[in-house]
PDB file of all heavy atoms in Angstrom:
ATOM      1  N   ALA A   1      11.680 -54.560  52.575  1.00  0.00           N
ATOM      2  CA  ALA A   1      11.577 -53.654  51.428  1.00  0.00           C
ATOM      3  C   ALA A   1      12.941 -53.317  50.807  1.00  0.00           C
ATOM      4  O   ALA A   1      13.054 -53.357  49.543  1.00  0.00           O
ATOM      5  CB  ALA A   1      10.968 -52.272  51.913  1.00  0.00           C
ATOM      6  N   ARG A   2      14.008 -53.229  51.626  1.00  0.00           N
ATOM      7  CA  ARG A   2      15.312 -52.975  51.082  1.00  0.00           C
ATOM      8  C   ARG A   2      15.781 -54.138  50.192  1.00  0.00           C
ATOM      9  O   ARG A   2      16.319 -53.963  49.146  1.00  0.00           O
ATOM     10  CB  ARG A   2      16.338 -52.663  52.195  1.00  0.00           C
ATOM     11  CG  ARG A   2      17.709 -52.404  51.643  1.00  0.00           C
ATOM     12  CD  ARG A   2      18.726 -51.924  52.712  1.00  0.00           C
ATOM     13  NE  ARG A   2      19.050 -53.002  53.568  1.00  0.00           N
ATOM     14  CZ  ARG A   2      20.034 -53.889  53.286  1.00  0.00           C
ATOM     15  NH1 ARG A   2      20.568 -53.905  52.094  1.00  0.00           N
ATOM     16  NH2 ARG A   2      20.386 -54.841  54.165  1.00  0.00           N
ATOM     17  N   VAL A   3      15.548 -55.357  50.747  1.00  0.00           N
ATOM     18  CA  VAL A   3      15.981 -56.493  50.030  1.00  0.00           C
ATOM     19  C   VAL A   3      15.243 -56.556  48.644  1.00  0.00           C
ATOM     20  O   VAL A   3      15.814 -56.854  47.653  1.00  0.00           O
ATOM     21  CB  VAL A   3      15.602 -57.799  50.850  1.00  0.00           C
ATOM     22  CG1 VAL A   3      15.724 -59.074  49.983  1.00  0.00           C
ATOM     23  CG2 VAL A   3      16.491 -57.906  52.062  1.00  0.00           C
ATOM     24  N   LEU A   4      13.948 -56.327  48.637  1.00  0.00           N
ATOM     25  CA  LEU A   4      13.172 -56.387  47.325  1.00  0.00           C
ATOM     26  C   LEU A   4      13.603 -55.228  46.422  1.00  0.00           C
ATOM     27  O   LEU A   4      13.717 -55.431  45.170  1.00  0.00           O
ATOM     28  CB  LEU A   4      11.700 -56.285  47.619  1.00  0.00           C
ATOM     29  CG  LEU A   4      11.098 -57.561  48.340  1.00  0.00           C
ATOM     30  CD1 LEU A   4       9.647 -57.289  48.652  1.00  0.00           C
ATOM     31  CD2 LEU A   4      11.265 -58.764  47.443  1.00  0.00           C
ATOM     32  N   LEU A   5      13.864 -54.038  46.991  1.00  0.00           N
ATOM     33  CA  LEU A   5      14.348 -52.961  46.141  1.00  0.00           C
ATOM     34  C   LEU A   5      15.638 -53.277  45.431  1.00  0.00           C
ATOM     35  O   LEU A   5      15.919 -52.940  44.274  1.00  0.00           O
ATOM     36  CB  LEU A   5      14.545 -51.710  46.965  1.00  0.00           C
ATOM     37  CG  LEU A   5      13.185 -50.934  47.312  1.00  0.00           C
ATOM     38  CD1 LEU A   5      13.524 -49.893  48.350  1.00  0.00           C
ATOM     39  CD2 LEU A   5      12.667 -50.278  46.052  1.00  0.00           C
ATOM     40  N   GLN A   6      16.541 -54.012  46.185  1.00  0.00           N
ATOM     41  CA  GLN A   6      17.864 -54.229  45.636  1.00  0.00           C
ATOM     42  C   GLN A   6      18.058 -55.597  44.928  1.00  0.00           C
ATOM     43  O   GLN A   6      19.147 -55.845  44.492  1.00  0.00           O
ATOM     44  CB  GLN A   6      18.861 -54.118  46.843  1.00  0.00           C
ATOM     45  CG  GLN A   6      18.869 -52.735  47.454  1.00  0.00           C
ATOM     46  CD  GLN A   6      19.788 -52.586  48.624  1.00  0.00           C
ATOM     47  OE1 GLN A   6      20.213 -53.598  49.242  1.00  0.00           O
ATOM     48  NE2 GLN A   6      20.126 -51.366  49.011  1.00  0.00           N
ATOM     49  N   THR A   7      16.983 -56.385  44.900  1.00  0.00           N
ATOM     50  CA  THR A   7      17.085 -57.662  44.196  1.00  0.00           C
ATOM     51  C   THR A   7      16.098 -57.885  43.135  1.00  0.00           C
ATOM     52  O   THR A   7      16.188 -58.950  42.457  1.00  0.00           O
ATOM     53  CB  THR A   7      17.020 -58.848  45.245  1.00  0.00           C
ATOM     54  OG1 THR A   7      15.740 -58.781  45.854  1.00  0.00           O
ATOM     55  CG2 THR A   7      18.114 -58.775  46.329  1.00  0.00           C
ATOM     56  N   THR A   8      15.106 -57.044  43.031  1.00  0.00           N
ATOM     57  CA  THR A   8      14.060 -57.214  42.003  1.00  0.00           C
ATOM     58  C   THR A   8      13.920 -55.938  41.194  1.00  0.00           C
ATOM     59  O   THR A   8      14.393 -54.904  41.614  1.00  0.00           O
ATOM     60  CB  THR A   8      12.702 -57.582  42.666  1.00  0.00           C
ATOM     61  OG1 THR A   8      12.086 -56.443  43.293  1.00  0.00           O
ATOM     62  CG2 THR A   8      12.864 -58.655  43.650  1.00  0.00           C
ATOM     63  N   THR A   9      13.104 -56.041  40.146  1.00  0.00           N
ATOM     64  CA  THR A   9      12.788 -54.858  39.358  1.00  0.00           C
ATOM     65  C   THR A   9      11.297 -54.437  39.575  1.00  0.00           C
ATOM     66  O   THR A   9      10.799 -53.677  38.775  1.00  0.00           O
ATOM     67  CB  THR A   9      13.044 -55.163  37.862  1.00  0.00           C
ATOM     68  OG1 THR A   9      12.249 -56.302  37.499  1.00  0.00           O
ATOM     69  CG2 THR A   9      14.517 -55.468  37.608  1.00  0.00           C
ATOM     70  N   LEU A  10      10.712 -54.958  40.604  1.00  0.00           N
ATOM     71  CA  LEU A  10       9.317 -54.602  40.880  1.00  0.00           C
ATOM     72  C   LEU A  10       9.171 -53.089  41.146  1.00  0.00           C
ATOM     73  O   LEU A  10      10.081 -52.404  41.606  1.00  0.00           O
ATOM     74  CB  LEU A  10       8.868 -55.323  42.168  1.00  0.00           C
ATOM     75  CG  LEU A  10       8.699 -56.840  42.102  1.00  0.00           C
ATOM     76  CD1 LEU A  10       8.414 -57.386  43.477  1.00  0.00           C
ATOM     77  CD2 LEU A  10       7.637 -57.204  41.134  1.00  0.00           C
ATOM     78  N   GLN A  11       7.991 -52.596  40.804  1.00  0.00           N
ATOM     79  CA  GLN A  11       7.682 -51.197  41.032  1.00  0.00           C
ATOM     80  C   GLN A  11       7.548 -50.981  42.589  1.00  0.00           C
ATOM     81  O   GLN A  11       7.298 -51.872  43.306  1.00  0.00           O
ATOM     82  CB  GLN A  11       6.342 -50.833  40.331  1.00  0.00           C
ATOM     83  CG  GLN A  11       6.359 -50.920  38.847  1.00  0.00           C
ATOM     84  CD  GLN A  11       7.396 -49.974  38.241  1.00  0.00           C
ATOM     85  OE1 GLN A  11       7.445 -48.788  38.642  1.00  0.00           O
ATOM     86  NE2 GLN A  11       8.176 -50.441  37.341  1.00  0.00           N
ATOM     87  N   ALA A  12       7.773 -49.749  42.977  1.00  0.00           N
ATOM     88  CA  ALA A  12       7.785 -49.368  44.422  1.00  0.00           C
ATOM     89  C   ALA A  12       6.427 -49.739  45.040  1.00  0.00           C
ATOM     90  O   ALA A  12       6.444 -50.225  46.182  1.00  0.00           O
ATOM     91  CB  ALA A  12       8.065 -47.881  44.567  1.00  0.00           C
ATOM     92  N   ALA A  13       5.297 -49.592  44.377  1.00  0.00           N
ATOM     93  CA  ALA A  13       4.008 -49.856  44.912  1.00  0.00           C
ATOM     94  C   ALA A  13       3.892 -51.393  45.244  1.00  0.00           C
ATOM     95  O   ALA A  13       3.334 -51.825  46.209  1.00  0.00           O
ATOM     96  CB  ALA A  13       2.930 -49.411  44.033  1.00  0.00           C
ATOM     97  N   GLU A  14       4.374 -52.218  44.301  1.00  0.00           N
ATOM     98  CA  GLU A  14       4.336 -53.640  44.496  1.00  0.00           C
ATOM     99  C   GLU A  14       5.204 -54.048  45.696  1.00  0.00           C
ATOM    100  O   GLU A  14       4.796 -54.863  46.540  1.00  0.00           O
ATOM    101  CB  GLU A  14       4.822 -54.371  43.240  1.00  0.00           C
ATOM    102  CG  GLU A  14       3.962 -54.204  42.012  1.00  0.00           C
ATOM    103  CD  GLU A  14       4.602 -54.800  40.794  1.00  0.00           C
ATOM    104  OE1 GLU A  14       5.534 -54.266  40.189  1.00  0.00           O
ATOM    105  OE2 GLU A  14       4.119 -55.904  40.395  1.00  0.00           O
ATOM    106  N   ILE A  15       6.377 -53.415  45.843  1.00  0.00           N
ATOM    107  CA  ILE A  15       7.265 -53.755  46.935  1.00  0.00           C
ATOM    108  C   ILE A  15       6.607 -53.290  48.264  1.00  0.00           C
ATOM    109  O   ILE A  15       6.769 -53.972  49.240  1.00  0.00           O
ATOM    110  CB  ILE A  15       8.610 -53.080  46.701  1.00  0.00           C
ATOM    111  CG1 ILE A  15       9.370 -53.772  45.508  1.00  0.00           C
ATOM    112  CG2 ILE A  15       9.479 -53.095  47.976  1.00  0.00           C
ATOM    113  CD1 ILE A  15      10.626 -53.126  45.152  1.00  0.00           C
ATOM    114  N   ALA A  16       5.989 -52.177  48.260  1.00  0.00           N
ATOM    115  CA  ALA A  16       5.383 -51.637  49.472  1.00  0.00           C
ATOM    116  C   ALA A  16       4.438 -52.707  50.075  1.00  0.00           C
ATOM    117  O   ALA A  16       4.502 -52.998  51.211  1.00  0.00           O
ATOM    118  CB  ALA A  16       4.670 -50.317  49.208  1.00  0.00           C
ATOM    119  N   PHE A  17       3.533 -53.187  49.286  1.00  0.00           N
ATOM    120  CA  PHE A  17       2.508 -54.139  49.759  1.00  0.00           C
ATOM    121  C   PHE A  17       3.068 -55.523  50.016  1.00  0.00           C
ATOM    122  O   PHE A  17       2.679 -56.223  50.930  1.00  0.00           O
ATOM    123  CB  PHE A  17       1.292 -54.175  48.820  1.00  0.00           C
ATOM    124  CG  PHE A  17       0.550 -52.894  48.792  1.00  0.00           C
ATOM    125  CD1 PHE A  17       0.560 -52.103  47.647  1.00  0.00           C
ATOM    126  CD2 PHE A  17      -0.194 -52.515  49.842  1.00  0.00           C
ATOM    127  CE1 PHE A  17      -0.128 -50.890  47.562  1.00  0.00           C
ATOM    128  CE2 PHE A  17      -0.889 -51.257  49.857  1.00  0.00           C
ATOM    129  CZ  PHE A  17      -0.792 -50.443  48.763  1.00  0.00           C
ATOM    130  N   ALA A  18       4.104 -55.945  49.207  1.00  0.00           N
ATOM    131  CA  ALA A  18       4.738 -57.213  49.448  1.00  0.00           C
ATOM    132  C   ALA A  18       5.490 -57.215  50.742  1.00  0.00           C
ATOM    133  O   ALA A  18       5.677 -58.260  51.397  1.00  0.00           O
ATOM    134  CB  ALA A  18       5.699 -57.502  48.271  1.00  0.00           C
ATOM    135  N   SER A  19       5.995 -56.050  51.223  1.00  0.00           N
ATOM    136  CA  SER A  19       6.772 -55.861  52.450  1.00  0.00           C
ATOM    137  C   SER A  19       5.891 -55.808  53.650  1.00  0.00           C
ATOM    138  O   SER A  19       6.372 -55.959  54.798  1.00  0.00           O
ATOM    139  CB  SER A  19       7.665 -54.615  52.391  1.00  0.00           C
ATOM    140  OG  SER A  19       8.487 -54.717  51.277  1.00  0.00           O
ATOM    141  N   GLY A  20       4.576 -55.621  53.448  1.00  0.00           N
ATOM    142  CA  GLY A  20       3.685 -55.567  54.657  1.00  0.00           C
ATOM    143  C   GLY A  20       3.222 -54.133  54.948  1.00  0.00           C
ATOM    144  O   GLY A  20       2.471 -53.982  55.943  1.00  0.00           O
ATOM    145  N   PHE A  21       3.630 -53.148  54.138  1.00  0.00           N
ATOM    146  CA  PHE A  21       3.105 -51.773  54.388  1.00  0.00           C
ATOM    147  C   PHE A  21       1.675 -51.637  53.945  1.00  0.00           C
ATOM    148  O   PHE A  21       1.285 -52.332  52.966  1.00  0.00           O
ATOM    149  CB  PHE A  21       3.999 -50.747  53.707  1.00  0.00           C
ATOM    150  CG  PHE A  21       5.373 -50.662  54.257  1.00  0.00           C
ATOM    151  CD1 PHE A  21       6.418 -51.296  53.707  1.00  0.00           C
ATOM    152  CD2 PHE A  21       5.626 -49.857  55.387  1.00  0.00           C
ATOM    153  CE1 PHE A  21       7.725 -51.206  54.276  1.00  0.00           C
ATOM    154  CE2 PHE A  21       6.848 -49.782  55.955  1.00  0.00           C
ATOM    155  CZ  PHE A  21       7.932 -50.402  55.392  1.00  0.00           C
ATOM    156  N   HIS A  22       0.973 -50.776  54.531  1.00  0.00           N
ATOM    157  CA  HIS A  22      -0.481 -50.659  54.233  1.00  0.00           C
ATOM    158  C   HIS A  22      -0.745 -49.604  53.177  1.00  0.00           C
ATOM    159  O   HIS A  22      -1.869 -49.468  52.633  1.00  0.00           O
ATOM    160  CB  HIS A  22      -1.270 -50.301  55.519  1.00  0.00           C
ATOM    161  CG  HIS A  22      -1.222 -51.355  56.525  1.00  0.00           C
ATOM    162  ND1 HIS A  22      -1.695 -52.630  56.295  1.00  0.00           N
ATOM    163  CD2 HIS A  22      -0.711 -51.395  57.784  1.00  0.00           C
ATOM    164  CE1 HIS A  22      -1.485 -53.369  57.393  1.00  0.00           C
ATOM    165  NE2 HIS A  22      -0.894 -52.614  58.309  1.00  0.00           N
ATOM    166  N   SER A  23       0.299 -48.795  52.839  1.00  0.00           N
ATOM    167  CA  SER A  23       0.110 -47.763  51.768  1.00  0.00           C
ATOM    168  C   SER A  23       1.522 -47.453  51.237  1.00  0.00           C
ATOM    169  O   SER A  23       2.544 -47.662  51.945  1.00  0.00           O
ATOM    170  CB  SER A  23      -0.540 -46.514  52.370  1.00  0.00           C
ATOM    171  OG  SER A  23       0.365 -45.795  53.242  1.00  0.00           O
ATOM    172  N   VAL A  24       1.508 -46.881  50.024  1.00  0.00           N
ATOM    173  CA  VAL A  24       2.769 -46.497  49.399  1.00  0.00           C
ATOM    174  C   VAL A  24       3.366 -45.280  50.188  1.00  0.00           C
ATOM    175  O   VAL A  24       4.628 -45.223  50.362  1.00  0.00           O
ATOM    176  CB  VAL A  24       2.574 -46.084  47.970  1.00  0.00           C
ATOM    177  CG1 VAL A  24       3.835 -45.545  47.349  1.00  0.00           C
ATOM    178  CG2 VAL A  24       2.090 -47.349  47.151  1.00  0.00           C
ATOM    179  N   ARG A  25       2.543 -44.444  50.679  1.00  0.00           N
ATOM    180  CA  ARG A  25       3.063 -43.248  51.465  1.00  0.00           C
ATOM    181  C   ARG A  25       3.739 -43.765  52.726  1.00  0.00           C
ATOM    182  O   ARG A  25       4.816 -43.302  53.071  1.00  0.00           O
ATOM    183  CB  ARG A  25       1.911 -42.365  51.847  1.00  0.00           C
ATOM    184  CG  ARG A  25       2.326 -41.092  52.646  1.00  0.00           C
ATOM    185  CD  ARG A  25       1.159 -40.230  52.909  1.00  0.00           C
ATOM    186  NE  ARG A  25       1.594 -39.039  53.682  1.00  0.00           N
ATOM    187  CZ  ARG A  25       0.779 -38.067  54.080  1.00  0.00           C
ATOM    188  NH1 ARG A  25      -0.478 -38.102  53.673  1.00  0.00           N
ATOM    189  NH2 ARG A  25       1.273 -37.103  54.748  1.00  0.00           N
ATOM    190  N   GLN A  26       3.150 -44.740  53.425  1.00  0.00           N
ATOM    191  CA  GLN A  26       3.782 -45.274  54.582  1.00  0.00           C
ATOM    192  C   GLN A  26       5.168 -45.893  54.274  1.00  0.00           C
ATOM    193  O   GLN A  26       6.133 -45.774  55.011  1.00  0.00           O
ATOM    194  CB  GLN A  26       2.827 -46.304  55.249  1.00  0.00           C
ATOM    195  CG  GLN A  26       3.366 -46.899  56.600  1.00  0.00           C
ATOM    196  CD  GLN A  26       2.534 -48.049  57.034  1.00  0.00           C
ATOM    197  OE1 GLN A  26       2.337 -49.056  56.385  1.00  0.00           O
ATOM    198  NE2 GLN A  26       1.914 -47.873  58.271  1.00  0.00           N
ATOM    199  N   PHE A  27       5.109 -46.598  53.159  1.00  0.00           N
ATOM    200  CA  PHE A  27       6.434 -47.248  52.650  1.00  0.00           C
ATOM    201  C   PHE A  27       7.489 -46.216  52.418  1.00  0.00           C
ATOM    202  O   PHE A  27       8.635 -46.284  52.853  1.00  0.00           O
ATOM    203  CB  PHE A  27       6.089 -48.047  51.416  1.00  0.00           C
ATOM    204  CG  PHE A  27       7.194 -48.376  50.531  1.00  0.00           C
ATOM    205  CD1 PHE A  27       8.200 -49.289  50.928  1.00  0.00           C
ATOM    206  CD2 PHE A  27       7.341 -47.759  49.300  1.00  0.00           C
ATOM    207  CE1 PHE A  27       9.212 -49.639  50.090  1.00  0.00           C
ATOM    208  CE2 PHE A  27       8.364 -48.125  48.449  1.00  0.00           C
ATOM    209  CZ  PHE A  27       9.314 -49.058  48.795  1.00  0.00           C
ATOM    210  N   ASN A  28       7.102 -45.134  51.677  1.00  0.00           N
ATOM    211  CA  ASN A  28       8.082 -44.104  51.339  1.00  0.00           C
ATOM    212  C   ASN A  28       8.612 -43.357  52.575  1.00  0.00           C
ATOM    213  O   ASN A  28       9.818 -43.157  52.721  1.00  0.00           O
ATOM    214  CB  ASN A  28       7.463 -43.050  50.383  1.00  0.00           C
ATOM    215  CG  ASN A  28       7.220 -43.559  48.981  1.00  0.00           C
ATOM    216  OD1 ASN A  28       7.908 -44.450  48.524  1.00  0.00           O
ATOM    217  ND2 ASN A  28       6.205 -43.095  48.325  1.00  0.00           N
ATOM    218  N   ASP A  29       7.734 -43.052  53.463  1.00  0.00           N
ATOM    219  CA  ASP A  29       8.113 -42.391  54.716  1.00  0.00           C
ATOM    220  C   ASP A  29       9.068 -43.192  55.529  1.00  0.00           C
ATOM    221  O   ASP A  29      10.029 -42.643  56.117  1.00  0.00           O
ATOM    222  CB  ASP A  29       6.878 -41.966  55.529  1.00  0.00           C
ATOM    223  CG  ASP A  29       6.022 -40.834  54.793  1.00  0.00           C
ATOM    224  OD1 ASP A  29       6.540 -40.180  53.899  1.00  0.00           O
ATOM    225  OD2 ASP A  29       4.835 -40.658  55.227  1.00  0.00           O
TER     226      ASP A  29
END
């Protein structure tokens, strides 16, 4: 998730699921 946040302009929700998280809340936490 950190790599995608710092190398792409994708929205947080897209990054959450691309990283393998099951929800945006789980990703944020």
